[in-house]
Amino acid sequence: MLRISALVLALTTSVAHADLADTILDDIVLPGFDQLAISGQALDAAAQTDCRAESEPLRAAFGETLDAWTAVSHFRFGPTEVENRGFALAFWPDSRGKTPRALNGLIASQDPVVDTAESFATVSIAARGLYAMEFLLYDATISTAGNSEYHCALTQAVAADIAATAQDLAADWHTRYAELMRNPTEGGVYQSEAEVSQEFFKALNTGLQITADMRLGRPLGTYDAPRPKRAEAWRSDRSLRNVTLSLEALERLAMQLANTDPEIEARLGHSFATALTEAKGLDDPRFARVSDPSGRFRVEVLQRTVNDIRAVSTGYLGPLLGVSGGFNSLDGD
C-alpha cells in the first residue's frame, strides 16, 4: 500500500512539473521574447525613419524595447547564452566605462563597420545593444559627438543589430529550446521535468539578485560614497522603472512556480505586493536621491524588501521544487 501511494505521489509530481513547464513557456517565456522581437523591429524602423537623438518616436521605441528586455532579462540561460546574445543586447553593468569608449572610438574614426549588419555584429559588445543606444540618444556628450551623418549611421546600425539579436532570441526559443524544456530526456540538457522547474526557479532567484544587488545596490554604493550614476539606465530616467518592471515580471514567474502550494503562493504574493508598493511610491526615477539620507533610506527599504522575497523563495519555494537554497544563474555551475 505504501509503495502504491509513493508511486502515485511521484506520478502526480511529474505531471505537475510537466504542466508547469508548458504554462511558463506558453504564458511567460515565449510571449516575452516575442514582444522583445516585435519591439526591436519597431526600434529599427524608428531609427531608419528618424535617427536624430532627440527624435521622440525613436526614444519611445527604445523605451519599449528596454521594457521588453527587462521583462525577460532574468532568463539568462539557453538562447540568451548562445553567441553572447544577452551581453550583445544588454551590456550592463559597465563598471569600466567600456561602452562610451567604444562608441567614441567608432565616432572619432568614422569606422565603416556600420555599413553592413554583418560587419557591425563583429564590433565589441560594449558598442552594441540597448545601453549603447541609450548613450547615443541621451548622453550629453555622445548624443552630439562627431559628424551628424556618421552618428545617424551608427544609431541605425545599433538599432538594426538590436532587432536582429532580439529576433534570433525569439526564434531560438520557438524552434529549439522550448522543445528541450517540454521534453527532457536522459543525457539531454534537461533529464527530468523537475530539472526544468528548477531552471525556472534559478531564473527567479537570478532576477531577484540582479534587482537587489545591481539595480538597487549599485546606485546605493555605501553610505559615505553613494553612486547614483551607477544606476541602470539613469540617463533615460528609467532606473526605477526597470526595478518595477522586473519585479512585476518576477512576480508572474513566482506565482506560476508556487501555484501548487497556496500557502507559499500567498507568502510570495504578499512579499511582491509590498515591494511593488514601495517601488511605485518612490519619486526618484534615476535614484538621484540616494545621496540624501531620507532618499537613501527609502531605496534601502526597497532593497531589503526584495531580499525578503529572496528569503521566501529560497526558504519555501526552493524546497517545494527540490532546489537547494540560494543557487542561481549568476553563481556558475
Protein backbone atom coordinates (compact mmCIF):
# COMPACT_ATOMS: atom_id res chain seq x y z
CA MET A 1 0.00 0.00 0.00
CA LEU A 2 2.84 2.39 0.87
CA ARG A 3 4.58 1.57 -2.42
CA ILE A 4 1.40 2.37 -4.38
CA SER A 5 1.00 5.69 -2.53
CA ALA A 6 4.62 6.63 -3.25
CA LEU A 7 4.16 5.77 -6.92
CA VAL A 8 1.00 7.87 -7.16
CA LEU A 9 2.79 10.79 -5.49
CA ALA A 10 5.75 10.50 -7.85
CA LEU A 11 3.47 10.41 -10.91
CA THR A 12 1.44 13.36 -9.64
CA THR A 13 4.62 15.38 -9.01
CA SER A 14 5.95 14.55 -12.50
CA VAL A 15 2.70 15.67 -14.15
CA ALA A 16 2.74 18.87 -12.09
CA HIS A 17 6.30 19.67 -13.23
CA ALA A 18 5.40 18.95 -16.86
CA ASP A 19 2.32 21.18 -16.71
CA LEU A 20 4.37 23.87 -15.03
CA ALA A 21 6.94 23.93 -17.83
CA ASP A 22 4.25 24.23 -20.51
CA THR A 23 2.47 27.01 -18.64
CA ILE A 24 5.59 29.08 -18.01
CA LEU A 25 6.79 28.65 -21.59
CA ASP A 26 3.44 29.43 -23.18
CA ASP A 27 2.32 32.23 -20.85
CA ILE A 28 5.59 33.93 -19.94
CA VAL A 29 8.74 32.98 -21.84
CA LEU A 30 7.62 32.72 -25.46
CA PRO A 31 5.30 35.77 -25.39
CA GLY A 32 8.01 37.73 -23.60
CA PHE A 33 10.68 37.04 -26.20
CA ASP A 34 8.15 37.58 -28.99
CA GLN A 35 7.43 41.03 -27.57
CA LEU A 36 11.16 41.73 -27.42
CA ALA A 37 11.48 40.82 -31.11
CA ILE A 38 8.48 42.98 -32.06
CA SER A 39 9.82 45.93 -30.07
CA GLY A 40 13.26 45.51 -31.60
CA GLN A 41 11.79 45.63 -35.09
CA ALA A 42 9.87 48.78 -34.18
CA LEU A 43 13.08 50.34 -32.85
CA ASP A 44 14.88 49.53 -36.09
CA ALA A 45 12.05 51.04 -38.14
CA ALA A 46 12.02 54.19 -35.99
CA ALA A 47 15.79 54.64 -36.41
CA GLN A 48 15.51 54.25 -40.17
CA THR A 49 12.76 56.88 -40.26
CA ASP A 50 14.36 59.45 -37.93
CA CYS A 51 17.80 58.79 -36.48
CA ARG A 52 18.16 62.06 -34.56
CA ALA A 53 18.94 61.67 -30.86
CA GLU A 54 16.06 63.99 -29.97
CA SER A 55 13.53 62.05 -32.06
CA GLU A 56 10.60 61.31 -29.75
CA PRO A 57 9.39 58.26 -31.76
CA LEU A 58 12.90 56.81 -31.64
CA ARG A 59 13.21 57.42 -27.91
CA ALA A 60 9.78 55.89 -27.32
CA ALA A 61 10.74 52.81 -29.35
CA PHE A 62 13.95 52.50 -27.35
CA GLY A 63 11.95 52.62 -24.11
CA GLU A 64 9.54 49.94 -25.28
CA THR A 65 12.40 47.66 -26.28
CA LEU A 66 14.14 48.12 -22.95
CA ASP A 67 10.81 47.41 -21.24
CA ALA A 68 10.54 44.14 -23.17
CA TRP A 69 14.12 43.13 -22.34
CA THR A 70 13.67 43.91 -18.65
CA ALA A 71 10.67 41.58 -18.53
CA VAL A 72 12.76 38.60 -19.73
CA SER A 73 16.27 39.60 -18.63
CA HIS A 74 16.30 37.04 -15.81
CA PHE A 75 16.12 34.12 -18.30
CA ARG A 76 19.90 34.01 -18.58
CA PHE A 77 20.20 30.50 -19.93
CA GLY A 78 19.73 28.69 -23.22
CA PRO A 79 19.24 31.08 -26.17
CA THR A 80 20.46 34.09 -24.18
CA GLU A 81 23.86 32.44 -23.67
CA VAL A 82 24.34 31.46 -27.32
CA GLU A 83 26.83 33.77 -29.08
CA ASN A 84 26.74 36.06 -26.03
CA ARG A 85 23.33 37.35 -27.14
CA GLY A 86 22.44 38.57 -23.68
CA PHE A 87 25.56 40.75 -23.45
CA ALA A 88 25.24 41.88 -27.07
CA LEU A 89 21.73 43.08 -26.29
CA ALA A 90 22.36 44.48 -22.83
CA PHE A 91 25.96 45.08 -21.77
CA TRP A 92 25.40 46.19 -18.17
CA PRO A 93 26.78 46.79 -15.64
CA ASP A 94 29.66 48.52 -17.38
CA SER A 95 31.88 49.24 -14.41
CA ARG A 96 34.89 50.22 -16.56
CA GLY A 97 33.12 52.59 -18.94
CA LYS A 98 33.71 50.41 -22.00
CA THR A 99 30.54 51.49 -23.80
CA PRO A 100 31.32 55.23 -24.07
CA ARG A 101 34.93 54.46 -25.03
CA ALA A 102 33.85 52.05 -27.74
CA LEU A 103 31.25 54.44 -29.14
CA ASN A 104 33.64 57.41 -29.06
CA GLY A 105 36.21 55.31 -30.89
CA LEU A 106 33.78 54.45 -33.67
CA ILE A 107 32.59 58.05 -33.97
CA ALA A 108 36.08 59.57 -33.93
CA SER A 109 37.35 57.26 -36.68
CA GLN A 110 34.04 57.13 -38.56
CA ASP A 111 34.62 53.39 -38.72
CA PRO A 112 32.91 51.90 -41.80
CA VAL A 113 31.97 48.85 -39.71
CA VAL A 114 28.50 50.42 -39.51
CA ASP A 115 27.95 49.92 -43.25
CA THR A 116 26.65 46.34 -43.01
CA ALA A 117 24.89 44.29 -40.39
CA GLU A 118 27.44 41.50 -40.76
CA SER A 119 30.39 43.77 -40.05
CA PHE A 120 28.70 45.61 -37.19
CA ALA A 121 27.97 42.29 -35.45
CA THR A 122 31.74 41.87 -35.06
CA VAL A 123 32.33 45.04 -33.02
CA SER A 124 32.81 44.98 -29.27
CA ILE A 125 29.62 44.11 -27.40
CA ALA A 126 30.20 47.34 -25.46
CA ALA A 127 29.22 49.28 -28.60
CA ARG A 128 26.16 47.15 -29.26
CA GLY A 129 22.75 46.79 -27.68
CA LEU A 130 20.34 48.80 -25.61
CA TYR A 131 22.80 50.60 -23.36
CA ALA A 132 24.86 51.75 -26.34
CA MET A 133 21.62 53.07 -27.81
CA GLU A 134 20.87 54.90 -24.56
CA PHE A 135 24.23 56.70 -24.83
CA LEU A 136 23.52 57.64 -28.44
CA LEU A 137 20.11 59.06 -27.55
CA TYR A 138 20.57 60.53 -24.08
CA ASP A 139 24.21 61.10 -23.16
CA ALA A 140 25.02 64.79 -23.29
CA THR A 141 28.39 64.21 -24.96
CA ILE A 142 27.93 61.16 -27.18
CA SER A 143 24.49 62.16 -28.48
CA THR A 144 26.09 65.18 -30.19
CA ALA A 145 29.56 63.81 -30.92
CA GLY A 146 31.14 63.73 -34.35
CA ASN A 147 29.74 64.04 -37.81
CA SER A 148 25.91 64.01 -37.82
CA GLU A 149 25.76 61.68 -40.80
CA TYR A 150 28.02 59.13 -39.14
CA HIS A 151 26.13 59.47 -35.86
CA CYS A 152 22.95 58.66 -37.73
CA ALA A 153 24.53 55.64 -39.42
CA LEU A 154 25.81 54.37 -36.08
CA THR A 155 22.42 54.81 -34.43
CA GLN A 156 20.78 52.90 -37.27
CA ALA A 157 23.39 50.15 -37.09
CA VAL A 158 22.87 49.71 -33.34
CA ALA A 159 19.09 49.61 -33.79
CA ALA A 160 19.29 47.05 -36.59
CA ASP A 161 21.66 44.91 -34.52
CA ILE A 162 19.30 45.03 -31.53
CA ALA A 163 16.43 43.94 -33.77
CA ALA A 164 18.46 41.06 -35.23
CA THR A 165 19.60 39.82 -31.82
CA ALA A 166 16.07 40.00 -30.41
CA GLN A 167 14.76 38.11 -33.43
CA ASP A 168 17.41 35.42 -33.02
CA LEU A 169 16.48 35.00 -29.36
CA ALA A 170 12.78 34.57 -30.09
CA ALA A 171 13.45 32.19 -32.99
CA ASP A 172 15.80 30.04 -30.92
CA TRP A 173 13.22 29.74 -28.15
CA HIS A 174 10.48 28.73 -30.58
CA THR A 175 12.43 26.38 -32.83
CA ARG A 176 14.76 24.70 -30.37
CA TYR A 177 14.90 25.48 -26.70
CA ALA A 178 11.25 25.36 -25.70
CA GLU A 179 11.09 21.82 -27.02
CA LEU A 180 14.13 20.83 -24.94
CA MET A 181 12.32 22.05 -21.84
CA ARG A 182 8.99 20.45 -22.75
CA ASN A 183 10.55 17.05 -23.40
CA PRO A 184 13.50 16.35 -21.11
CA THR A 185 15.44 13.22 -21.99
CA GLU A 186 18.19 11.14 -20.44
CA GLY A 187 21.50 12.65 -21.49
CA GLY A 188 19.83 15.84 -22.71
CA VAL A 189 20.10 19.41 -21.50
CA TYR A 190 17.33 18.56 -19.03
CA GLN A 191 16.89 14.98 -17.88
CA SER A 192 13.62 15.40 -15.99
CA GLU A 193 10.66 17.73 -15.64
CA ALA A 194 11.92 18.58 -12.16
CA GLU A 195 15.17 19.92 -13.64
CA VAL A 196 13.16 22.22 -15.88
CA SER A 197 11.21 23.57 -12.90
CA GLN A 198 14.48 24.08 -11.08
CA GLU A 199 15.87 26.07 -14.03
CA PHE A 200 12.93 28.44 -13.84
CA PHE A 201 13.40 28.72 -10.08
CA LYS A 202 17.03 29.69 -10.63
CA ALA A 203 15.87 32.32 -13.13
CA LEU A 204 13.56 33.75 -10.47
CA ASN A 205 16.36 34.00 -7.92
CA THR A 206 18.73 35.40 -10.53
CA GLY A 207 16.27 38.19 -11.29
CA LEU A 208 15.77 38.99 -7.62
CA GLN A 209 19.53 39.10 -7.06
CA ILE A 210 20.08 41.38 -10.06
CA THR A 211 17.40 43.75 -8.82
CA ALA A 212 18.60 43.82 -5.20
CA ASP A 213 22.36 43.80 -5.72
CA MET A 214 22.72 45.59 -9.06
CA ARG A 215 19.67 47.70 -9.90
CA LEU A 216 19.41 48.92 -6.30
CA GLY A 217 22.79 48.08 -4.79
CA ARG A 218 24.97 49.78 -7.40
CA PRO A 219 23.46 53.27 -7.03
CA LEU A 220 23.30 52.88 -3.25
CA GLY A 221 27.03 52.22 -3.06
CA THR A 222 27.92 52.90 0.57
CA TYR A 223 26.55 55.47 2.97
CA ASP A 224 29.73 57.55 2.65
CA ALA A 225 30.01 57.03 -1.11
CA PRO A 226 26.63 56.69 -2.84
CA ARG A 227 26.87 56.10 -6.61
CA PRO A 228 23.67 57.36 -8.29
CA LYS A 229 25.33 57.37 -11.72
CA ARG A 230 25.92 53.64 -11.45
CA ALA A 231 22.17 53.07 -11.67
CA GLU A 232 20.85 51.18 -14.65
CA ALA A 233 19.62 53.43 -17.48
CA TRP A 234 19.82 56.62 -15.40
CA ARG A 235 20.42 58.79 -18.46
CA SER A 236 16.95 57.98 -19.75
CA ASP A 237 15.33 58.27 -16.29
CA ARG A 238 14.47 54.56 -16.29
CA SER A 239 16.30 53.19 -13.23
CA LEU A 240 13.24 52.90 -11.00
CA ARG A 241 11.04 51.84 -13.92
CA ASN A 242 13.33 48.88 -14.61
CA VAL A 243 13.11 47.80 -10.97
CA THR A 244 9.31 47.94 -11.09
CA LEU A 245 9.05 46.11 -14.42
CA SER A 246 11.46 43.44 -13.23
CA LEU A 247 9.50 42.86 -10.02
CA GLU A 248 6.24 42.58 -11.96
CA ALA A 249 7.77 40.02 -14.33
CA LEU A 250 9.35 38.06 -11.49
CA GLU A 251 6.05 38.02 -9.62
CA ARG A 252 4.34 36.37 -12.60
CA LEU A 253 7.03 33.69 -12.69
CA ALA A 254 6.95 33.15 -8.92
CA MET A 255 3.16 32.74 -8.88
CA GLN A 256 3.37 30.04 -11.52
CA LEU A 257 6.15 28.21 -9.68
CA ALA A 258 4.22 28.29 -6.40
CA ASN A 259 0.72 27.57 -7.68
CA THR A 260 0.61 24.04 -6.25
CA ASP A 261 1.03 25.36 -2.70
CA PRO A 262 -1.46 28.08 -1.67
CA GLU A 263 0.48 29.00 1.46
CA ILE A 264 3.75 29.62 -0.38
CA GLU A 265 1.88 31.39 -3.16
CA ALA A 266 0.30 33.71 -0.58
CA ARG A 267 3.65 34.40 1.11
CA LEU A 268 5.26 35.32 -2.18
CA GLY A 269 2.25 37.36 -3.27
CA HIS A 270 2.36 39.41 -0.08
CA SER A 271 6.13 39.99 -0.38
CA PHE A 272 5.90 41.10 -4.01
CA ALA A 273 2.94 43.36 -3.26
CA THR A 274 4.94 45.07 -0.51
CA ALA A 275 7.95 45.60 -2.77
CA LEU A 276 5.88 46.92 -5.66
CA THR A 277 4.01 49.32 -3.39
CA GLU A 278 7.32 50.68 -2.12
CA ALA A 279 8.77 50.96 -5.65
CA LYS A 280 5.71 52.73 -7.04
CA GLY A 281 5.75 55.11 -4.09
CA LEU A 282 9.27 56.34 -4.85
CA ASP A 283 9.52 59.63 -6.71
CA ASP A 284 13.10 59.17 -7.81
CA PRO A 285 13.26 57.80 -11.37
CA ARG A 286 17.05 57.69 -11.62
CA PHE A 287 17.87 57.15 -7.91
CA ALA A 288 19.49 60.56 -7.78
CA ARG A 289 18.36 61.00 -4.17
CA VAL A 290 20.47 58.15 -2.76
CA SER A 291 22.94 60.89 -1.82
CA ASP A 292 20.33 62.32 0.55
CA PRO A 293 19.78 60.40 3.82
CA SER A 294 15.98 60.31 3.53
CA GLY A 295 16.06 59.35 -0.14
CA ARG A 296 18.70 56.71 0.52
CA PHE A 297 16.63 55.22 3.34
CA ARG A 298 13.65 54.62 1.04
CA VAL A 299 15.79 52.83 -1.55
CA GLU A 300 17.39 50.74 1.20
CA VAL A 301 13.93 49.74 2.43
CA LEU A 302 13.02 48.64 -1.09
CA GLN A 303 16.24 46.64 -1.36
CA ARG A 304 15.52 44.89 1.95
CA THR A 305 12.03 44.05 0.76
CA VAL A 306 13.40 42.49 -2.43
CA ASN A 307 15.81 40.48 -0.30
CA ASP A 308 12.83 39.37 1.81
CA ILE A 309 11.30 37.94 -1.38
CA ARG A 310 14.54 36.07 -2.00
CA ALA A 311 14.37 34.64 1.52
CA VAL A 312 10.82 33.39 0.98
CA SER A 313 11.81 31.96 -2.39
CA THR A 314 14.87 30.08 -1.14
CA GLY A 315 13.30 29.05 2.17
CA TYR A 316 9.92 27.85 0.93
CA LEU A 317 9.70 27.69 -2.85
CA GLY A 318 13.10 26.06 -3.33
CA PRO A 319 12.29 23.03 -1.17
CA LEU A 320 8.90 22.71 -2.87
CA LEU A 321 10.71 22.39 -6.22
CA GLY A 322 13.59 20.31 -4.88
CA VAL A 323 16.22 23.04 -5.17
CA SER A 324 18.85 23.79 -2.55
CA GLY A 325 18.55 27.37 -1.35
CA GLY A 326 20.46 30.19 -2.91
CA PHE A 327 21.66 28.73 -6.22
CA ASN A 328 21.08 30.85 -9.31
CA SER A 329 22.48 31.52 -12.76
CA LEU A 330 24.96 34.13 -11.50
CA ASP A 331 26.76 31.57 -9.35
CA GLY A 332 28.03 29.31 -12.14
CA ASP A 333 27.86 25.52 -12.09
